[in-house]
PDB file of N, CA and C in Angstrom:
ATOM      1  N   MET A   1     120.762  76.928  95.901  1.00  0.00           N
ATOM      2  CA  MET A   1     121.455  77.127  94.653  1.00  0.00           C
ATOM      3  C   MET A   1     122.188  75.838  94.311  1.00  0.00           C
ATOM      4  N   THR A   2     122.115  75.492  93.065  1.00  0.00           N
ATOM      5  CA  THR A   2     122.823  74.327  92.536  1.00  0.00           C
ATOM      6  C   THR A   2     123.580  74.774  91.285  1.00  0.00           C
ATOM      7  N   ASN A   3     124.364  73.877  90.708  1.00  0.00           N
ATOM      8  CA  ASN A   3     125.048  74.202  89.455  1.00  0.00           C
ATOM      9  C   ASN A   3     124.036  74.574  88.365  1.00  0.00           C
ATOM     10  N   LYS A   4     122.938  73.833  88.293  1.00  0.00           N
ATOM     11  CA  LYS A   4     121.921  74.141  87.283  1.00  0.00           C
ATOM     12  C   LYS A   4     121.299  75.510  87.542  1.00  0.00           C
ATOM     13  N   PHE A   5     121.060  75.836  88.802  1.00  0.00           N
ATOM     14  CA  PHE A   5     120.458  77.123  89.156  1.00  0.00           C
ATOM     15  C   PHE A   5     121.356  78.276  88.717  1.00  0.00           C
ATOM     16  N   VAL A   6     122.638  78.224  89.063  1.00  0.00           N
ATOM     17  CA  VAL A   6     123.522  79.355  88.761  1.00  0.00           C
ATOM     18  C   VAL A   6     123.809  79.488  87.267  1.00  0.00           C
ATOM     19  N   LYS A   7     123.625  78.413  86.505  1.00  0.00           N
ATOM     20  CA  LYS A   7     123.822  78.484  85.055  1.00  0.00           C
ATOM     21  C   LYS A   7     122.560  78.956  84.332  1.00  0.00           C
ATOM     22  N   SER A   8     121.435  78.978  85.023  1.00  0.00           N
ATOM     23  CA  SER A   8     120.161  79.332  84.414  1.00  0.00           C
ATOM     24  C   SER A   8     120.006  80.848  84.281  1.00  0.00           C
ATOM     25  N   GLU A   9     119.744  81.307  83.053  1.00  0.00           N
ATOM     26  CA  GLU A   9     119.523  82.743  82.838  1.00  0.00           C
ATOM     27  C   GLU A   9     118.265  83.205  83.570  1.00  0.00           C
ATOM     28  N   TRP A  10     117.237  82.364  83.590  1.00  0.00           N
ATOM     29  CA  TRP A  10     115.993  82.731  84.257  1.00  0.00           C
ATOM     30  C   TRP A  10     116.213  82.877  85.772  1.00  0.00           C
ATOM     31  N   CYS A  11     116.912  81.939  86.377  1.00  0.00           N
ATOM     32  CA  CYS A  11     117.180  82.016  87.817  1.00  0.00           C
ATOM     33  C   CYS A  11     118.021  83.248  88.149  1.00  0.00           C
ATOM     34  N   THR A  12     118.995  83.542  87.303  1.00  0.00           N
ATOM     35  CA  THR A  12     119.821  84.731  87.503  1.00  0.00           C
ATOM     36  C   THR A  12     118.967  85.984  87.413  1.00  0.00           C
ATOM     37  N   PHE A  13     118.062  86.033  86.454  1.00  0.00           N
ATOM     38  CA  PHE A  13     117.156  87.174  86.317  1.00  0.00           C
ATOM     39  C   PHE A  13     116.292  87.323  87.569  1.00  0.00           C
ATOM     40  N   GLU A  14     115.736  86.219  88.065  1.00  0.00           N
ATOM     41  CA  GLU A  14     114.906  86.282  89.275  1.00  0.00           C
ATOM     42  C   GLU A  14     115.715  86.779  90.471  1.00  0.00           C
ATOM     43  N   LEU A  15     116.952  86.343  90.580  1.00  0.00           N
ATOM     44  CA  LEU A  15     117.809  86.810  91.667  1.00  0.00           C
ATOM     45  C   LEU A  15     118.061  88.307  91.538  1.00  0.00           C
ATOM     46  N   GLN A  16     118.327  88.771  90.335  1.00  0.00           N
ATOM     47  CA  GLN A  16     118.542  90.202  90.123  1.00  0.00           C
ATOM     48  C   GLN A  16     117.303  90.998  90.533  1.00  0.00           C
ATOM     49  N   MET A  17     116.123  90.508  90.209  1.00  0.00           N
ATOM     50  CA  MET A  17     114.886  91.199  90.585  1.00  0.00           C
ATOM     51  C   MET A  17     114.735  91.234  92.106  1.00  0.00           C
ATOM     52  N   ALA A  18     115.083  90.147  92.770  1.00  0.00           N
ATOM     53  CA  ALA A  18     115.002  90.115  94.232  1.00  0.00           C
ATOM     54  C   ALA A  18     115.989  91.109  94.842  1.00  0.00           C
ATOM     55  N   LEU A  19     117.182  91.210  94.276  1.00  0.00           N
ATOM     56  CA  LEU A  19     118.170  92.161  94.779  1.00  0.00           C
ATOM     57  C   LEU A  19     117.711  93.600  94.568  1.00  0.00           C
ATOM     58  N   VAL A  20     117.031  93.850  93.465  1.00  0.00           N
ATOM     59  CA  VAL A  20     116.522  95.196  93.195  1.00  0.00           C
ATOM     60  C   VAL A  20     115.465  95.570  94.228  1.00  0.00           C
ATOM     61  N   LYS A  21     114.636  94.629  94.605  1.00  0.00           N
ATOM     62  CA  LYS A  21     113.556  94.910  95.557  1.00  0.00           C
ATOM     63  C   LYS A  21     114.083  95.062  96.975  1.00  0.00           C
ATOM     64  N   GLY A  22     115.252  94.563  97.269  1.00  0.00           N
ATOM     65  CA  GLY A  22     115.835  94.663  98.601  1.00  0.00           C
ATOM     66  C   GLY A  22     116.397  93.320  99.025  1.00  0.00           C
ATOM     67  N   THR A  23     117.541  93.344  99.661  1.00  0.00           N
ATOM     68  CA  THR A  23     118.241  92.098  99.963  1.00  0.00           C
ATOM     69  C   THR A  23     118.025  91.607 101.384  1.00  0.00           C
ATOM     70  N   ASP A  24     117.188  92.259 102.146  1.00  0.00           N
ATOM     71  CA  ASP A  24     117.041  91.897 103.554  1.00  0.00           C
ATOM     72  C   ASP A  24     116.621  90.454 103.791  1.00  0.00           C
ATOM     73  N   TYR A  25     115.810  89.914 102.911  1.00  0.00           N
ATOM     74  CA  TYR A  25     115.255  88.600 103.195  1.00  0.00           C
ATOM     75  C   TYR A  25     115.652  87.537 102.185  1.00  0.00           C
ATOM     76  N   ILE A  26     116.750  87.751 101.520  1.00  0.00           N
ATOM     77  CA  ILE A  26     117.285  86.728 100.631  1.00  0.00           C
ATOM     78  C   ILE A  26     118.214  85.850 101.463  1.00  0.00           C
ATOM     79  N   VAL A  27     117.881  84.575 101.528  1.00  0.00           N
ATOM     80  CA  VAL A  27     118.711  83.619 102.256  1.00  0.00           C
ATOM     81  C   VAL A  27     119.104  82.528 101.262  1.00  0.00           C
ATOM     82  N   PRO A  28     120.282  82.663 100.674  1.00  0.00           N
ATOM     83  CA  PRO A  28     120.710  81.642  99.713  1.00  0.00           C
ATOM     84  C   PRO A  28     120.908  80.279 100.401  1.00  0.00           C
ATOM     85  N   VAL A  29     120.432  79.249  99.742  1.00  0.00           N
ATOM     86  CA  VAL A  29     120.628  77.883 100.213  1.00  0.00           C
ATOM     87  C   VAL A  29     121.417  77.168  99.130  1.00  0.00           C
ATOM     88  N   ILE A  30     122.569  76.661  99.507  1.00  0.00           N
ATOM     89  CA  ILE A  30     123.440  75.967  98.555  1.00  0.00           C
ATOM     90  C   ILE A  30     123.238  74.467  98.746  1.00  0.00           C
ATOM     91  N   VAL A  31     122.927  73.801  97.637  1.00  0.00           N
ATOM     92  CA  VAL A  31     122.704  72.354  97.665  1.00  0.00           C
ATOM     93  C   VAL A  31     123.762  71.716  96.793  1.00  0.00           C
ATOM     94  N   GLY A  32     124.705  71.042  97.406  1.00  0.00           N
ATOM     95  CA  GLY A  32     125.795  70.423  96.664  1.00  0.00           C
ATOM     96  C   GLY A  32     126.908  71.415  96.377  1.00  0.00           C
ATOM     97  N   LYS A  33     127.973  70.915  95.821  1.00  0.00           N
ATOM     98  CA  LYS A  33     129.133  71.751  95.483  1.00  0.00           C
ATOM     99  C   LYS A  33     128.851  72.484  94.186  1.00  0.00           C
ATOM    100  N   ILE A  34     129.022  73.804  94.210  1.00  0.00           N
ATOM    101  CA  ILE A  34     128.883  74.593  92.988  1.00  0.00           C
ATOM    102  C   ILE A  34     130.277  74.796  92.413  1.00  0.00           C
ATOM    103  N   GLU A  35     130.438  74.402  91.177  1.00  0.00           N
ATOM    104  CA  GLU A  35     131.739  74.507  90.526  1.00  0.00           C
ATOM    105  C   GLU A  35     132.135  75.975  90.374  1.00  0.00           C
ATOM    106  N   ASP A  36     133.419  76.251  90.609  1.00  0.00           N
ATOM    107  CA  ASP A  36     133.929  77.626  90.507  1.00  0.00           C
ATOM    108  C   ASP A  36     133.624  78.254  89.150  1.00  0.00           C
ATOM    109  N   LYS A  37     133.706  77.466  88.098  1.00  0.00           N
ATOM    110  CA  LYS A  37     133.472  78.003  86.753  1.00  0.00           C
ATOM    111  C   LYS A  37     132.036  78.493  86.573  1.00  0.00           C
ATOM    112  N   ASN A  38     131.125  78.015  87.412  1.00  0.00           N
ATOM    113  CA  ASN A  38     129.722  78.428  87.317  1.00  0.00           C
ATOM    114  C   ASN A  38     129.385  79.620  88.209  1.00  0.00           C
ATOM    115  N   MET A  39     130.302  79.989  89.095  1.00  0.00           N
ATOM    116  CA  MET A  39     130.043  81.087  90.024  1.00  0.00           C
ATOM    117  C   MET A  39     130.361  82.425  89.351  1.00  0.00           C
ATOM    118  N   THR A  40     129.326  83.083  88.878  1.00  0.00           N
ATOM    119  CA  THR A  40     129.506  84.392  88.251  1.00  0.00           C
ATOM    120  C   THR A  40     129.753  85.432  89.342  1.00  0.00           C
ATOM    121  N   ARG A  41     130.072  86.644  88.927  1.00  0.00           N
ATOM    122  CA  ARG A  41     130.292  87.735  89.890  1.00  0.00           C
ATOM    123  C   ARG A  41     129.067  87.936  90.770  1.00  0.00           C
ATOM    124  N   LEU A  42     127.891  87.814  90.195  1.00  0.00           N
ATOM    125  CA  LEU A  42     126.660  88.018  90.951  1.00  0.00           C
ATOM    126  C   LEU A  42     126.524  87.000  92.084  1.00  0.00           C
ATOM    127  N   TYR A  43     126.783  85.744  91.793  1.00  0.00           N
ATOM    128  CA  TYR A  43     126.645  84.707  92.816  1.00  0.00           C
ATOM    129  C   TYR A  43     127.763  84.797  93.858  1.00  0.00           C
ATOM    130  N   LYS A  44     128.956  85.172  93.432  1.00  0.00           N
ATOM    131  CA  LYS A  44     130.041  85.391  94.398  1.00  0.00           C
ATOM    132  C   LYS A  44     129.681  86.544  95.330  1.00  0.00           C
ATOM    133  N   PHE A  45     129.138  87.617  94.760  1.00  0.00           N
ATOM    134  CA  PHE A  45     128.686  88.766  95.547  1.00  0.00           C
ATOM    135  C   PHE A  45     127.648  88.327  96.570  1.00  0.00           C
ATOM    136  N   LEU A  46     126.693  87.525  96.130  1.00  0.00           N
ATOM    137  CA  LEU A  46     125.614  87.081  97.006  1.00  0.00           C
ATOM    138  C   LEU A  46     126.155  86.278  98.189  1.00  0.00           C
ATOM    139  N   THR A  47     127.076  85.374  97.935  1.00  0.00           N
ATOM    140  CA  THR A  47     127.597  84.547  99.027  1.00  0.00           C
ATOM    141  C   THR A  47     128.555  85.311  99.934  1.00  0.00           C
ATOM    142  N   LYS A  48     129.116  86.417  99.451  1.00  0.00           N
ATOM    143  CA  LYS A  48     130.006  87.222 100.295  1.00  0.00           C
ATOM    144  C   LYS A  48     129.245  88.243 101.135  1.00  0.00           C
ATOM    145  N   THR A  49     128.047  88.614 100.717  1.00  0.00           N
ATOM    146  CA  THR A  49     127.318  89.684 101.405  1.00  0.00           C
ATOM    147  C   THR A  49     126.088  89.201 102.159  1.00  0.00           C
ATOM    148  N   HIS A  50     125.777  87.922 102.088  1.00  0.00           N
ATOM    149  CA  HIS A  50     124.593  87.389 102.755  1.00  0.00           C
ATOM    150  C   HIS A  50     124.959  86.157 103.576  1.00  0.00           C
ATOM    151  N   VAL A  51     124.250  85.999 104.669  1.00  0.00           N
ATOM    152  CA  VAL A  51     124.351  84.749 105.408  1.00  0.00           C
ATOM    153  C   VAL A  51     123.667  83.706 104.540  1.00  0.00           C
ATOM    154  N   TYR A  52     124.345  82.615 104.289  1.00  0.00           N
ATOM    155  CA  TYR A  52     123.741  81.568 103.473  1.00  0.00           C
ATOM    156  C   TYR A  52     123.869  80.243 104.189  1.00  0.00           C
ATOM    157  N   ALA A  53     123.077  79.280 103.765  1.00  0.00           N
ATOM    158  CA  ALA A  53     123.073  77.965 104.393  1.00  0.00           C
ATOM    159  C   ALA A  53     123.435  76.914 103.356  1.00  0.00           C
ATOM    160  N   GLU A  54     124.207  75.935 103.779  1.00  0.00           N
ATOM    161  CA  GLU A  54     124.600  74.838 102.894  1.00  0.00           C
ATOM    162  C   GLU A  54     123.919  73.559 103.359  1.00  0.00           C
ATOM    163  N   TRP A  55     123.100  72.980 102.468  1.00  0.00           N
ATOM    164  CA  TRP A  55     122.420  71.731 102.793  1.00  0.00           C
ATOM    165  C   TRP A  55     123.361  70.564 102.575  1.00  0.00           C
ATOM    166  N   THR A  56     123.297  69.601 103.472  1.00  0.00           N
ATOM    167  CA  THR A  56     124.118  68.402 103.366  1.00  0.00           C
ATOM    168  C   THR A  56     123.301  67.209 103.836  1.00  0.00           C
ATOM    169  N   GLU A  57     123.706  66.037 103.446  1.00  0.00           N
ATOM    170  CA  GLU A  57     123.032  64.821 103.905  1.00  0.00           C
ATOM    171  C   GLU A  57     123.553  64.386 105.279  1.00  0.00           C
ATOM    172  N   ASP A  58     124.670  64.943 105.699  1.00  0.00           N
ATOM    173  CA  ASP A  58     125.281  64.633 106.985  1.00  0.00           C
ATOM    174  C   ASP A  58     124.425  65.201 108.125  1.00  0.00           C
ATOM    175  N   LYS A  59     124.153  64.411 109.151  1.00  0.00           N
ATOM    176  CA  LYS A  59     123.293  64.840 110.263  1.00  0.00           C
ATOM    177  C   LYS A  59     123.845  66.078 110.972  1.00  0.00           C
ATOM    178  N   ASP A  60     125.160  66.113 111.245  1.00  0.00           N
ATOM    179  CA  ASP A  60     125.764  67.292 111.873  1.00  0.00           C
ATOM    180  C   ASP A  60     125.672  68.501 110.947  1.00  0.00           C
ATOM    181  N   GLY A  61     125.861  68.261 109.657  1.00  0.00           N
ATOM    182  CA  GLY A  61     125.756  69.328 108.675  1.00  0.00           C
ATOM    183  C   GLY A  61     124.348  69.899 108.606  1.00  0.00           C
ATOM    184  N   GLN A  62     123.341  69.042 108.805  1.00  0.00           N
ATOM    185  CA  GLN A  62     121.957  69.502 108.792  1.00  0.00           C
ATOM    186  C   GLN A  62     121.654  70.382 110.007  1.00  0.00           C
ATOM    187  N   GLU A  63     122.237  70.043 111.138  1.00  0.00           N
ATOM    188  CA  GLU A  63     122.077  70.897 112.328  1.00  0.00           C
ATOM    189  C   GLU A  63     122.687  72.278 112.065  1.00  0.00           C
ATOM    190  N   LYS A  64     123.862  72.290 111.461  1.00  0.00           N
ATOM    191  CA  LYS A  64     124.512  73.554 111.109  1.00  0.00           C
ATOM    192  C   LYS A  64     123.649  74.335 110.105  1.00  0.00           C
ATOM    193  N   PHE A  65     123.053  73.633 109.138  1.00  0.00           N
ATOM    194  CA  PHE A  65     122.185  74.252 108.141  1.00  0.00           C
ATOM    195  C   PHE A  65     121.048  75.019 108.821  1.00  0.00           C
ATOM    196  N   TRP A  66     120.364  74.355 109.763  1.00  0.00           N
ATOM    197  CA  TRP A  66     119.225  75.006 110.424  1.00  0.00           C
ATOM    198  C   TRP A  66     119.673  76.169 111.298  1.00  0.00           C
ATOM    199  N   LEU A  67     120.856  76.080 111.887  1.00  0.00           N
ATOM    200  CA  LEU A  67     121.392  77.214 112.644  1.00  0.00           C
ATOM    201  C   LEU A  67     121.688  78.389 111.721  1.00  0.00           C
ATOM    202  N   GLN A  68     122.222  78.090 110.534  1.00  0.00           N
ATOM    203  CA  GLN A  68     122.499  79.153 109.556  1.00  0.00           C
ATOM    204  C   GLN A  68     121.200  79.819 109.101  1.00  0.00           C
ATOM    205  N   ILE A  69     120.156  79.040 108.866  1.00  0.00           N
ATOM    206  CA  ILE A  69     118.858  79.594 108.474  1.00  0.00           C
ATOM    207  C   ILE A  69     118.317  80.481 109.591  1.00  0.00           C
ATOM    208  N   GLN A  70     118.384  79.990 110.817  1.00  0.00           N
ATOM    209  CA  GLN A  70     117.904  80.776 111.957  1.00  0.00           C
ATOM    210  C   GLN A  70     118.676  82.089 112.081  1.00  0.00           C
ATOM    211  N   LYS A  71     119.986  82.029 111.940  1.00  0.00           N
ATOM    212  CA  LYS A  71     120.817  83.229 112.015  1.00  0.00           C
ATOM    213  C   LYS A  71     120.441  84.220 110.918  1.00  0.00           C
ATOM    214  N   ALA A  72     120.232  83.715 109.715  1.00  0.00           N
ATOM    215  CA  ALA A  72     119.896  84.583 108.585  1.00  0.00           C
ATOM    216  C   ALA A  72     118.549  85.269 108.789  1.00  0.00           C
ATOM    217  N   LEU A  73     117.601  84.595 109.388  1.00  0.00           N
ATOM    218  CA  LEU A  73     116.268  85.165 109.566  1.00  0.00           C
ATOM    219  C   LEU A  73     116.168  86.102 110.759  1.00  0.00           C
ATOM    220  N   GLN A  74     117.111  86.009 111.693  1.00  0.00           N
ATOM    221  CA  GLN A  74     117.066  86.868 112.876  1.00  0.00           C
ATOM    222  C   GLN A  74     117.557  88.273 112.604  1.00  0.00           C
ATOM    223  N   LYS A  75     118.590  88.421 111.796  1.00  0.00           N
ATOM    224  CA  LYS A  75     119.203  89.729 111.571  1.00  0.00           C
ATOM    225  C   LYS A  75     119.377  89.978 110.087  1.00  0.00           C
ATOM    226  N   PRO A  76     118.426  90.706 109.487  1.00  0.00           N
ATOM    227  CA  PRO A  76     118.577  91.015 108.059  1.00  0.00           C
ATOM    228  C   PRO A  76     119.844  91.819 107.799  1.00  0.00           C
ATOM    229  N   ILE A  77     120.457  91.571 106.671  1.00  0.00           N
ATOM    230  CA  ILE A  77     121.656  92.285 106.261  1.00  0.00           C
ATOM    231  C   ILE A  77     121.228  93.470 105.404  1.00  0.00           C
ATOM    232  N   HIS A  78     121.800  94.639 105.639  1.00  0.00           N
ATOM    233  CA  HIS A  78     121.400  95.845 104.937  1.00  0.00           C
ATOM    234  C   HIS A  78     122.502  96.369 104.012  1.00  0.00           C
ATOM    235  N   HIS A  79     123.316  95.472 103.439  1.00  0.00           N
ATOM    236  CA  HIS A  79     124.427  95.912 102.598  1.00  0.00           C
ATOM    237  C   HIS A  79     123.992  96.798 101.446  1.00  0.00           C
ATOM    238  N   TYR A  80     122.885  96.456 100.813  1.00  0.00           N
ATOM    239  CA  TYR A  80     122.470  97.185  99.619  1.00  0.00           C
ATOM    240  C   TYR A  80     121.059  97.721  99.777  1.00  0.00           C
ATOM    241  N   GLN A  81     120.726  98.182 100.980  1.00  0.00           N
ATOM    242  CA  GLN A  81     119.388  98.703 101.216  1.00  0.00           C
ATOM    243  C   GLN A  81     119.035  99.799 100.220  1.00  0.00           C
ATOM    244  N   GLN A  82     119.962 100.708  99.991  1.00  0.00           N
ATOM    245  CA  GLN A  82     119.738 101.743  98.993  1.00  0.00           C
ATOM    246  C   GLN A  82     120.937 101.779  98.050  1.00  0.00           C
ATOM    247  N   ILE A  83     120.842 101.021  97.013  1.00  0.00           N
ATOM    248  CA  ILE A  83     121.925 100.959  96.037  1.00  0.00           C
ATOM    249  C   ILE A  83     122.027 102.288  95.298  1.00  0.00           C
ATOM    250  N   VAL A  84     120.886 102.853  94.954  1.00  0.00           N
ATOM    251  CA  VAL A  84     120.833 104.115  94.237  1.00  0.00           C
ATOM    252  C   VAL A  84     120.234 105.141  95.183  1.00  0.00           C
ATOM    253  N   PRO A  85     120.856 106.308  95.354  1.00  0.00           N
ATOM    254  CA  PRO A  85     120.266 107.328  96.227  1.00  0.00           C
ATOM    255  C   PRO A  85     118.837 107.643  95.798  1.00  0.00           C
ATOM    256  N   ILE A  86     117.944 107.763  96.765  1.00  0.00           N
ATOM    257  CA  ILE A  86     116.528 107.959  96.476  1.00  0.00           C
ATOM    258  C   ILE A  86     116.254 109.247  95.711  1.00  0.00           C
ATOM    259  N   GLU A  87     117.131 110.247  95.845  1.00  0.00           N
ATOM    260  CA  GLU A  87     116.941 111.502  95.111  1.00  0.00           C
ATOM    261  C   GLU A  87     117.114 111.292  93.610  1.00  0.00           C
ATOM    262  N   ASP A  88     117.834 110.279  93.258  1.00  0.00           N
ATOM    263  CA  ASP A  88     118.143 109.993  91.863  1.00  0.00           C
ATOM    264  C   ASP A  88     116.913 109.371  91.183  1.00  0.00           C
ATOM    265  N   GLU A  89     116.484 109.938  90.055  1.00  0.00           N
ATOM    266  CA  GLU A  89     115.327 109.423  89.334  1.00  0.00           C
ATOM    267  C   GLU A  89     115.507 107.968  88.936  1.00  0.00           C
ATOM    268  N   SER A  90     116.729 107.558  88.710  1.00  0.00           N
ATOM    269  CA  SER A  90     116.965 106.186  88.270  1.00  0.00           C
ATOM    270  C   SER A  90     116.662 105.172  89.369  1.00  0.00           C
ATOM    271  N   ALA A  91     116.403 105.638  90.592  1.00  0.00           N
ATOM    272  CA  ALA A  91     116.057 104.724  91.683  1.00  0.00           C
ATOM    273  C   ALA A  91     114.771 103.971  91.369  1.00  0.00           C
ATOM    274  N   TYR A  92     113.959 104.522  90.488  1.00  0.00           N
ATOM    275  CA  TYR A  92     112.705 103.883  90.137  1.00  0.00           C
ATOM    276  C   TYR A  92     112.813 103.085  88.853  1.00  0.00           C
ATOM    277  N   ASN A  93     113.982 103.035  88.269  1.00  0.00           N
ATOM    278  CA  ASN A  93     114.218 102.336  87.028  1.00  0.00           C
ATOM    279  C   ASN A  93     114.888 100.997  87.337  1.00  0.00           C
ATOM    280  N   THR A  94     114.160  99.902  87.129  1.00  0.00           N
ATOM    281  CA  THR A  94     114.666  98.573  87.448  1.00  0.00           C
ATOM    282  C   THR A  94     115.958  98.261  86.708  1.00  0.00           C
ATOM    283  N   ASP A  95     116.041  98.610  85.427  1.00  0.00           N
ATOM    284  CA  ASP A  95     117.258  98.343  84.651  1.00  0.00           C
ATOM    285  C   ASP A  95     118.455  99.068  85.257  1.00  0.00           C
ATOM    286  N   ALA A  96     118.245 100.299  85.701  1.00  0.00           N
ATOM    287  CA  ALA A  96     119.330 101.072  86.307  1.00  0.00           C
ATOM    288  C   ALA A  96     119.770 100.420  87.608  1.00  0.00           C
ATOM    289  N   LYS A  97     118.834  99.895  88.390  1.00  0.00           N
ATOM    290  CA  LYS A  97     119.192  99.233  89.648  1.00  0.00           C
ATOM    291  C   LYS A  97     120.019  97.978  89.385  1.00  0.00           C
ATOM    292  N   ILE A  98     119.591  97.186  88.404  1.00  0.00           N
ATOM    293  CA  ILE A  98     120.343  95.962  88.074  1.00  0.00           C
ATOM    294  C   ILE A  98     121.750  96.326  87.629  1.00  0.00           C
ATOM    295  N   GLU A  99     121.860  97.324  86.772  1.00  0.00           N
ATOM    296  CA  GLU A  99     123.175  97.753  86.303  1.00  0.00           C
ATOM    297  C   GLU A  99     124.024  98.241  87.473  1.00  0.00           C
ATOM    298  N   ASN A 100     123.415  98.962  88.401  1.00  0.00           N
ATOM    299  CA  ASN A 100     124.136  99.457  89.563  1.00  0.00           C
ATOM    300  C   ASN A 100     124.634  98.300  90.431  1.00  0.00           C
ATOM    301  N   ILE A 101     123.803  97.280  90.627  1.00  0.00           N
ATOM    302  CA  ILE A 101     124.215  96.100  91.401  1.00  0.00           C
ATOM    303  C   ILE A 101     125.407  95.452  90.716  1.00  0.00           C
ATOM    304  N   GLN A 102     125.295  95.251  89.398  1.00  0.00           N
ATOM    305  CA  GLN A 102     126.367  94.587  88.662  1.00  0.00           C
ATOM    306  C   GLN A 102     127.652  95.406  88.715  1.00  0.00           C
ATOM    307  N   ASN A 103     127.544  96.727  88.649  1.00  0.00           N
ATOM    308  CA  ASN A 103     128.726  97.580  88.695  1.00  0.00           C
ATOM    309  C   ASN A 103     129.369  97.597  90.068  1.00  0.00           C
ATOM    310  N   ASN A 104     128.580  97.359  91.116  1.00  0.00           N
ATOM    311  CA  ASN A 104     129.104  97.411  92.473  1.00  0.00           C
ATOM    312  C   ASN A 104     129.616  96.073  92.980  1.00  0.00           C
ATOM    313  N   VAL A 105     129.431  95.010  92.203  1.00  0.00           N
ATOM    314  CA  VAL A 105     129.947  93.706  92.601  1.00  0.00           C
ATOM    315  C   VAL A 105     131.460  93.746  92.462  1.00  0.00           C
ATOM    316  N   LYS A 106     132.142  93.518  93.559  1.00  0.00           N
ATOM    317  CA  LYS A 106     133.623  93.583  93.552  1.00  0.00           C
ATOM    318  C   LYS A 106     134.164  92.183  93.783  1.00  0.00           C
ATOM    319  N   MET A 107     134.860  91.671  92.830  1.00  0.00           N
ATOM    320  CA  MET A 107     135.469  90.337  92.952  1.00  0.00           C
ATOM    321  C   MET A 107     136.939  90.444  92.683  1.00  0.00           C
TER     322      MET A 107
END
């Protein structure tokens, strides 16, 4: 994720679709400093609920980056495995899932 990525409506839409399908294998990678003004509730939610990795040009930072990636891939996070109860018909409605994710983001 970069400043351009988080400001992009298309990238935000793709992230929402990935969250709807399941968050187990989303591993955010942050490249550079993302300005606070660009961090929407969705991106704040993502960084608070997922193991993420920060890329850096620093050699020690790169070692930490690869450890973070390894950690993220070893143990999937199940925070939002079932955002909408499966009995609910809206579980099959993508728009309802996105709205539910947005409503459950607590900042």
